[in-house]
Protein backbone atom coordinates (compact mmCIF):
# COMPACT_ATOMS: atom_id res chain seq x y z
CA MET A 1 0.00 -0.01 -0.01
CA ASP A 2 2.83 2.33 0.84
CA ASP A 3 4.42 1.56 -2.51
CA ILE A 4 1.26 2.55 -4.34
CA LYS A 5 1.04 5.83 -2.43
CA LYS A 6 4.63 6.59 -3.32
CA ILE A 7 4.00 5.88 -6.99
CA LEU A 8 0.95 8.16 -6.95
CA ALA A 9 2.97 10.92 -5.25
CA ASP A 10 5.69 10.56 -7.90
CA LEU A 11 3.08 10.76 -10.67
CA LYS A 12 1.56 13.89 -9.15
CA SER A 13 5.02 15.40 -8.90
CA MET A 14 5.72 14.55 -12.53
CA ALA A 15 2.37 15.98 -13.60
CA ALA A 16 3.05 19.22 -11.75
CA TYR A 17 6.48 19.40 -13.37
CA ALA A 18 5.00 18.68 -16.79
CA LYS A 19 2.40 21.41 -16.22
CA GLU A 20 5.12 23.89 -15.32
CA GLU A 21 7.08 22.85 -18.42
CA ALA A 22 3.97 23.24 -20.59
CA GLU A 23 3.35 26.69 -19.14
CA ASP A 24 6.97 27.62 -19.82
CA ILE A 25 6.66 26.32 -23.36
CA LYS A 26 3.39 28.19 -23.86
CA PHE A 27 4.99 31.37 -22.56
CA GLY A 28 7.91 30.82 -24.89
CA MET A 29 5.60 30.19 -27.85
CA ASP A 30 3.55 33.30 -27.00
CA SER A 31 6.75 35.33 -26.89
CA ILE A 32 7.87 33.87 -30.22
CA ASN A 33 4.46 34.60 -31.77
CA GLU A 34 4.57 38.15 -30.47
CA VAL A 35 8.02 38.63 -32.00
CA LEU A 36 6.87 37.06 -35.27
CA GLN A 37 3.80 39.32 -35.36
CA GLN A 38 5.97 42.36 -34.76
CA ASN A 39 8.40 41.27 -37.48
CA LEU A 40 5.53 40.52 -39.87
CA LYS A 41 4.07 43.96 -39.22
CA LEU A 42 7.48 45.49 -39.81
CA LEU A 43 7.83 43.56 -43.09
CA VAL A 44 4.41 44.76 -44.23
CA GLU A 45 5.33 48.33 -43.41
CA ILE A 46 8.67 47.95 -45.27
CA SER A 47 6.91 46.37 -48.27
CA THR A 48 4.29 49.11 -48.39
CA SER A 49 6.92 51.79 -48.07
CA HIS A 50 9.02 50.11 -50.81
CA ALA A 51 6.03 49.95 -53.16
CA LYS A 52 5.23 53.62 -52.52
CA ILE A 53 8.83 54.61 -53.12
CA THR A 54 8.92 52.51 -56.32
CA ASN A 55 5.67 54.08 -57.58
CA ASP A 56 7.04 57.56 -56.78
CA ILE A 57 10.25 56.79 -58.64
CA ASN A 58 8.34 55.43 -61.66
CA ASP A 59 6.06 58.49 -61.67
CA ARG A 60 9.12 60.74 -61.62
CA ILE A 61 10.78 58.73 -64.40
CA ASP A 62 7.61 58.99 -66.57
CA ALA A 63 7.41 62.72 -65.92
CA LEU A 64 11.09 63.19 -66.78
CA GLU A 65 10.75 61.08 -69.94
CA ALA A 66 7.73 63.08 -71.05
CA GLN A 67 9.59 66.29 -70.28
CA LEU A 68 12.64 64.99 -72.18
CA GLY A 69 10.52 64.21 -75.26
CA SER A 70 9.01 67.68 -75.13
CA THR A 71 12.42 69.29 -74.56
CA ASP A 72 13.99 67.36 -77.41
CA ALA A 73 11.25 68.45 -79.77
CA LYS A 74 11.61 72.07 -78.70
CA LYS A 75 15.37 71.83 -78.94
CA TYR A 76 15.21 70.94 -82.61
CA GLU A 77 12.33 73.20 -83.59
CA GLN A 78 13.66 75.53 -86.31
CA VAL A 79 12.05 77.87 -88.81
CA ILE A 80 12.97 77.92 -92.48
CA THR A 81 15.51 80.68 -92.92
CA ASN A 82 16.02 82.96 -95.86
CA GLU A 83 18.70 80.54 -97.03
CA TYR A 84 15.93 78.30 -98.40
CA LYS A 85 13.12 78.94 -100.82
CA GLN A 86 10.08 76.92 -99.82
CA VAL A 87 7.95 75.48 -102.61
CA GLN A 88 4.94 77.73 -102.94
CA MET A 89 1.49 76.25 -102.34
CA LYS A 90 -1.82 77.65 -103.54
CA GLU A 91 -3.14 80.31 -101.17
CA ASP A 92 -6.80 79.41 -101.71
CA PRO A 93 -7.61 76.15 -99.82
CA GLN A 94 -10.89 75.70 -101.73
CA CYS A 95 -12.70 74.45 -98.65
CA GLY A 96 -15.55 76.94 -98.70
CA SER A 97 -18.35 74.79 -100.10
CA SER A 98 -19.24 71.22 -100.92
CA SER A 99 -19.11 72.00 -104.63
CA GLY A 100 -15.63 73.50 -104.53
CA PRO A 101 -12.91 71.96 -106.77
CA LYS A 102 -10.88 70.86 -103.72
CA ARG A 103 -13.76 69.26 -101.79
CA ASP A 104 -15.90 66.32 -102.75
CA THR A 105 -19.66 66.19 -102.35
CA ILE A 106 -20.91 65.36 -98.85
CA VAL A 107 -23.21 62.33 -98.64
CA GLN A 108 -25.10 60.63 -95.83
CA SER A 109 -24.95 57.12 -94.32
CA PRO A 110 -21.24 56.66 -93.63
CA ARG A 111 -19.93 53.15 -94.09
CA LYS A 112 -17.13 51.36 -92.27
CA VAL A 113 -14.03 50.53 -94.28
CA THR A 114 -10.90 48.74 -93.08
CA ILE A 115 -7.70 49.67 -94.89
CA ASN A 116 -5.21 46.87 -95.42
CA GLU A 117 -1.79 48.39 -95.84
CA ASN A 118 0.51 46.86 -98.45
CA HIS A 119 4.16 46.87 -97.44
CA THR A 120 6.45 48.11 -100.14
CA ARG A 121 9.97 46.95 -100.87
CA THR A 122 13.01 49.01 -100.13
CA VAL A 123 14.06 51.38 -102.89
CA ARG A 124 17.74 50.72 -103.51
CA ILE A 125 19.79 53.74 -104.62
CA GLN A 126 23.54 54.04 -105.13
CA PRO A 127 25.09 56.62 -102.80
CA ASP A 128 25.35 60.09 -104.30
CA GLU A 129 28.72 61.71 -104.80
CA ASP A 130 27.60 64.65 -102.66
CA ASP A 131 27.07 62.38 -99.61
CA GLU A 132 30.61 63.33 -98.65
CA ILE A 133 29.62 67.02 -98.56
CA PRO A 134 28.41 68.21 -95.15
CA LEU A 135 24.63 68.49 -94.74
CA SER A 136 23.02 71.90 -94.98
CA SER A 137 21.52 73.47 -91.84
CA LYS A 138 18.01 72.36 -92.81
CA GLU A 139 19.22 68.81 -93.43
CA GLU A 140 20.95 68.89 -90.05
CA GLU A 141 17.59 69.78 -88.46
CA TYR A 142 16.08 66.81 -90.25
CA LYS A 143 18.93 64.56 -89.02
CA ASN A 144 18.65 65.78 -85.43
CA PHE A 145 14.89 65.20 -85.24
CA THR A 146 15.31 61.74 -86.79
CA LYS A 147 17.62 60.89 -83.90
CA VAL A 148 14.92 62.08 -81.49
CA ILE A 149 12.47 59.60 -83.06
CA TYR A 150 14.92 56.68 -83.04
CA GLU A 151 15.89 57.36 -79.41
CA ILE A 152 12.51 58.39 -77.99
CA LYS A 153 11.41 56.75 -74.73
CA PHE A 154 7.95 55.36 -75.27
CA ASN A 155 5.22 55.79 -72.65
CA ASP A 156 1.45 56.25 -72.52
CA ALA A 157 1.57 58.94 -75.24
CA TYR A 158 4.15 57.64 -77.71
CA PHE A 159 4.38 54.19 -79.30
CA ILE A 160 6.05 52.56 -82.32
CA SER A 161 3.70 51.26 -85.01
CA PRO A 162 3.51 47.47 -85.35
CA GLY A 163 4.69 45.62 -88.47
CA GLU A 164 7.80 45.73 -90.60
CA HIS A 165 8.66 49.32 -91.38
CA ILE A 166 11.77 50.45 -93.21
CA TYR A 167 11.69 53.69 -91.30
CA PRO A 168 10.12 54.14 -87.80
CA ARG A 169 6.46 55.20 -87.64
CA VAL A 170 5.01 56.62 -84.47
CA ILE A 171 1.57 56.34 -82.87
CA MET A 172 0.63 59.20 -80.57
CA MET A 173 -2.12 59.28 -77.97
CA LYS A 174 -3.88 61.68 -75.67
CA GLY A 175 -1.33 63.79 -73.80
CA ALA A 176 1.25 63.87 -76.60
CA ASP A 177 3.18 67.15 -76.86
CA PRO A 178 1.61 69.28 -79.64
CA LEU A 179 5.01 70.34 -80.93
CA MET A 180 6.21 66.73 -81.02
CA VAL A 181 3.06 65.80 -82.97
CA LYS A 182 3.53 68.58 -85.50
CA MET A 183 7.22 67.90 -86.05
CA SER A 184 6.66 64.19 -86.36
CA ALA A 185 4.14 64.91 -89.12
CA ASP A 186 6.39 67.49 -90.79
CA TYR A 187 9.28 64.99 -90.98
CA GLY A 188 7.08 62.07 -92.05
CA PHE A 189 7.29 59.94 -88.89
CA LEU A 190 3.67 60.27 -87.70
CA ASP A 191 1.59 57.19 -88.46
CA LEU A 192 -1.51 57.47 -86.25
CA ILE A 193 -2.80 59.91 -83.65
CA TYR A 194 -5.75 59.51 -81.29
CA PRO A 195 -6.19 63.05 -79.90
CA ASP A 196 -8.17 64.07 -76.89
CA ARG A 197 -11.70 65.41 -77.44
CA THR A 198 -10.24 68.92 -77.02
CA LEU A 199 -7.83 68.27 -79.92
CA LYS A 200 -5.06 69.88 -77.92
CA GLU A 201 -2.51 67.48 -79.39
CA ILE A 202 -2.97 68.89 -82.93
CA GLU A 203 -3.16 72.57 -81.89
CA LYS A 204 -0.04 73.42 -83.92
CA PHE A 205 -1.51 72.16 -87.21
CA ASP A 206 -2.70 74.61 -89.88
CA GLU A 207 -5.80 76.54 -88.76
CA ILE A 208 -7.85 75.42 -91.77
CA LEU A 209 -6.96 71.79 -91.21
CA LYS A 210 -7.78 72.05 -87.46
CA SER A 211 -11.14 73.64 -88.31
CA GLU A 212 -12.12 70.79 -90.62
CA ILE A 213 -10.98 68.16 -88.12
CA SER A 214 -12.85 69.84 -85.24
CA LYS A 215 -16.10 69.73 -87.25
CA TYR A 216 -15.70 65.99 -87.76
CA ALA A 217 -14.71 65.47 -84.11
CA GLN A 218 -18.11 66.79 -82.94
CA GLY A 219 -19.44 63.31 -83.65
CA GLY A 220 -17.14 61.64 -81.10
CA SER A 221 -13.53 60.62 -80.49
CA ILE A 222 -11.45 60.47 -83.64
CA TYR A 223 -8.26 59.06 -85.12
CA LEU A 224 -6.05 60.48 -87.87
CA LYS A 225 -4.03 58.12 -90.10
CA PHE A 226 -1.10 59.64 -92.02
CA TYR A 227 0.44 58.62 -95.36
CA THR A 228 3.38 60.88 -96.10
CA ILE A 229 6.05 61.90 -98.56
CA SER A 230 8.84 63.07 -96.28
CA PRO A 231 10.63 66.41 -96.98
CA GLU A 232 13.91 67.07 -98.75
CA VAL A 233 16.27 69.93 -99.59
CA GLU A 234 18.03 70.31 -102.92
CA ASP A 235 19.83 73.28 -104.48
CA GLY A 236 18.71 75.57 -101.70
CA ILE A 237 15.01 74.71 -102.16
CA PHE A 238 13.06 73.11 -99.33
CA TYR A 239 10.37 70.64 -100.44
CA PRO A 240 8.02 70.08 -97.44
CA ALA A 241 6.17 66.87 -96.67
CA GLU A 242 2.98 65.91 -98.57
CA HIS A 243 0.22 64.14 -96.65
CA ILE A 244 -2.88 62.07 -97.23
CA ILE A 245 -4.75 61.92 -93.91
CA THR A 246 -7.76 59.69 -93.32
CA ILE A 247 -10.05 60.60 -90.43
CA GLY A 248 -12.53 58.37 -88.62
CA HIS A 249 -14.32 57.83 -85.34
CA VAL A 250 -12.96 55.51 -82.67
CA GLY A 251 -15.28 52.66 -81.72
CA ARG A 252 -16.27 51.68 -78.18
CA ASN A 253 -14.30 48.43 -78.16
CA PHE A 254 -11.11 50.18 -79.24
CA THR A 255 -7.88 48.18 -79.12
CA MET A 256 -4.48 49.09 -80.51
CA ASP A 257 -1.44 47.02 -81.45
CA VAL A 258 1.99 48.51 -80.92
CA GLY A 259 5.47 47.49 -81.96
CA GLU A 260 9.03 47.93 -80.75
CA ASN A 261 11.87 49.95 -82.21
CA ASP A 262 14.98 47.87 -82.01
CA LYS A 263 16.78 49.57 -84.89
CA PRO A 264 19.91 51.67 -84.27
CA VAL A 265 20.14 55.26 -85.46
CA PRO A 266 21.19 55.04 -89.12
CA LYS A 267 23.81 57.09 -90.87
CA ILE A 268 21.74 59.94 -92.19
CA THR A 269 22.99 61.25 -95.55
CA ARG A 270 21.38 62.93 -98.55
CA THR A 271 20.87 59.50 -100.04
CA TRP A 272 19.02 58.36 -96.92
CA ILE A 273 16.82 61.49 -97.08
CA LYS A 274 16.09 60.90 -100.78
CA ASN A 275 15.35 57.20 -100.13
CA ARG A 276 12.66 58.18 -97.64
CA ARG A 277 11.06 60.68 -100.02
CA ILE A 278 11.18 58.31 -103.00
CA LEU A 279 9.52 55.52 -100.97
CA GLY A 280 6.95 58.07 -99.83
CA TYR A 281 6.04 58.84 -103.47
CA LYS A 282 5.38 55.16 -104.11
CA VAL A 283 3.37 54.64 -100.89
CA LEU A 284 1.29 57.78 -101.39
CA TYR A 285 0.61 57.02 -105.07
CA ASN A 286 -0.55 53.49 -104.31
CA MET A 287 -2.61 54.62 -101.30
CA ALA A 288 -4.29 57.40 -103.30
CA LYS A 289 -5.38 54.85 -105.92
CA ASN A 290 -6.56 52.47 -103.19
CA LEU A 291 -8.67 55.11 -101.45
CA TYR A 292 -10.00 56.35 -104.81
CA GLU A 293 -11.26 52.83 -105.58
CA LYS A 294 -12.88 52.66 -102.12
CA ASN A 295 -14.77 55.93 -102.75
CA PHE A 296 -13.08 57.92 -99.99
CA ARG A 297 -14.33 61.53 -99.94
CA CYS A 298 -12.07 64.58 -99.72
CA ILE A 299 -13.07 66.84 -96.83
CA CYS A 300 -10.40 69.41 -97.65
CA GLN A 301 -7.17 69.75 -99.61
CA TYR A 302 -4.80 72.54 -98.61
CA ASN A 303 -1.09 73.34 -98.38
CA GLY A 304 0.14 69.75 -98.84
CA TRP A 305 -2.65 68.18 -96.71
CA THR A 306 -5.40 66.03 -98.26
CA LEU A 307 -7.99 65.12 -95.55
CA LEU A 308 -10.24 62.18 -96.44
CA THR A 309 -13.07 60.22 -94.87
CA ASN A 310 -14.69 56.92 -95.85
CA ASP A 311 -18.31 58.10 -96.30
CA GLY A 312 -18.09 58.70 -100.05
CA LYS A 313 -20.61 57.21 -102.46
CA MET A 314 -18.74 57.87 -105.70
CA LYS A 315 -15.19 58.24 -107.00
CA SER A 316 -13.43 61.34 -105.67
CA GLU A 317 -12.61 63.98 -108.28
CA VAL A 318 -10.03 65.47 -105.92
CA LEU A 319 -8.23 62.16 -105.57
CA LYS A 320 -8.44 61.61 -109.32
CA ASP A 321 -6.64 64.94 -109.88
CA TYR A 322 -4.19 64.03 -107.13
CA ILE A 323 -3.28 60.74 -108.80
CA ASN A 324 -2.93 62.53 -112.13
CA LYS A 325 -0.30 64.81 -110.58
CA PHE A 326 1.82 61.77 -109.93
CA ASP A 327 1.30 60.42 -113.44
CA THR A 328 2.21 63.76 -115.09
CA HIS A 329 5.20 64.59 -112.86
CA GLN A 330 3.46 67.55 -111.23
CA MET A 331 4.02 66.53 -107.60
CA PRO A 332 6.46 68.84 -105.80
CA GLY A 333 10.03 67.57 -105.49
CA SER A 334 13.50 67.81 -106.90
CA ILE A 335 14.04 66.65 -110.47
CA SER A 336 16.39 63.88 -109.40
CA THR A 337 13.99 62.57 -106.71
CA ILE A 338 10.98 62.59 -109.08
CA LYS A 339 13.03 60.76 -111.73
CA ARG A 340 14.10 58.09 -109.24
CA ALA A 341 10.55 57.82 -107.86
CA CYS A 342 9.35 57.08 -111.41
CA GLU A 343 12.00 54.39 -111.76
CA ALA A 344 10.72 52.80 -108.56
CA ARG A 345 7.17 52.39 -109.93
CA ASP A 346 5.47 51.85 -113.25
CA CYS A 347 5.04 55.51 -114.25
CA PRO A 348 2.53 55.90 -117.15
CA THR A 349 4.21 59.06 -118.49
CA CYS A 350 7.66 57.49 -118.53
CA ARG A 351 6.23 54.36 -120.10
CA LEU A 352 4.76 56.40 -122.96
CA ASN A 353 8.03 58.30 -123.44
CA ARG A 354 9.94 55.08 -123.82
CA ARG A 355 7.84 53.94 -126.77
């Protein structure tokens, strides 16, 4: 009996000891959990702070990049000096009435048309002998802005057009710098622009062109698609860019594909400048014929701009005359460039002269 009592006493002692150990362990676990909770809270605070700092840095980078793009554009903005004679355009824009010679008849019931662009081959030209001669001041301006386009940092307002392009083409969105938009158009790099409803992005365009675009924009958000002959300088004469611009409304389920510019800045010479203009002749000629066949209507033609929309019901007389200027060598440009442009396509006038 005494042995049993002793065993029970030992068991009670062991139970009390185990209880004390359990309480110590629980206290230790509570302490560990408290430390873990404090560390976890600290990690959350650090992570939140890091995310905020990262966002602040990204916002500052975006702001600096946008400012850099604007600064670069302003840095290279130049006026045509007295050293150059600019090709004279007709003063009268002929946009006053629907029956004017530079405006097609307005019709109702617009229809939706999708344009499928045909990629053209590279026009190969042997380097000119005068490539070794330093570029003129106007050609240097061209060269400098080309570098801006090749080196631009793309963000929510500037993108590269998708597809295989011999020369970079830029898509611009709401918030793009108006000067950057205008210069990109002037030098033939602007492909598409989706301006804000206020049209602030195109505020530096010609007043007559802006007026016609603003009338169309009253029906909703718009896009402008550019097909361009880039500018050139020869013998002290500046030949500005020529544009066909198609305008349309942006649908509700709007999506946009963009590309990447992985091309290095090329060596920009007179031959390079001529190559761009010659390819532009071919692209604009083919596009004018394409839009003519699709009954695009001319809203206004003025000072090197031909603004078109897809609501036409008949062949455009303005586009017909425009195509005829190509066929009869009446498009502005240097003699050498026009000659080479004819060699790059099947020119009807040259074909007749060869008979």
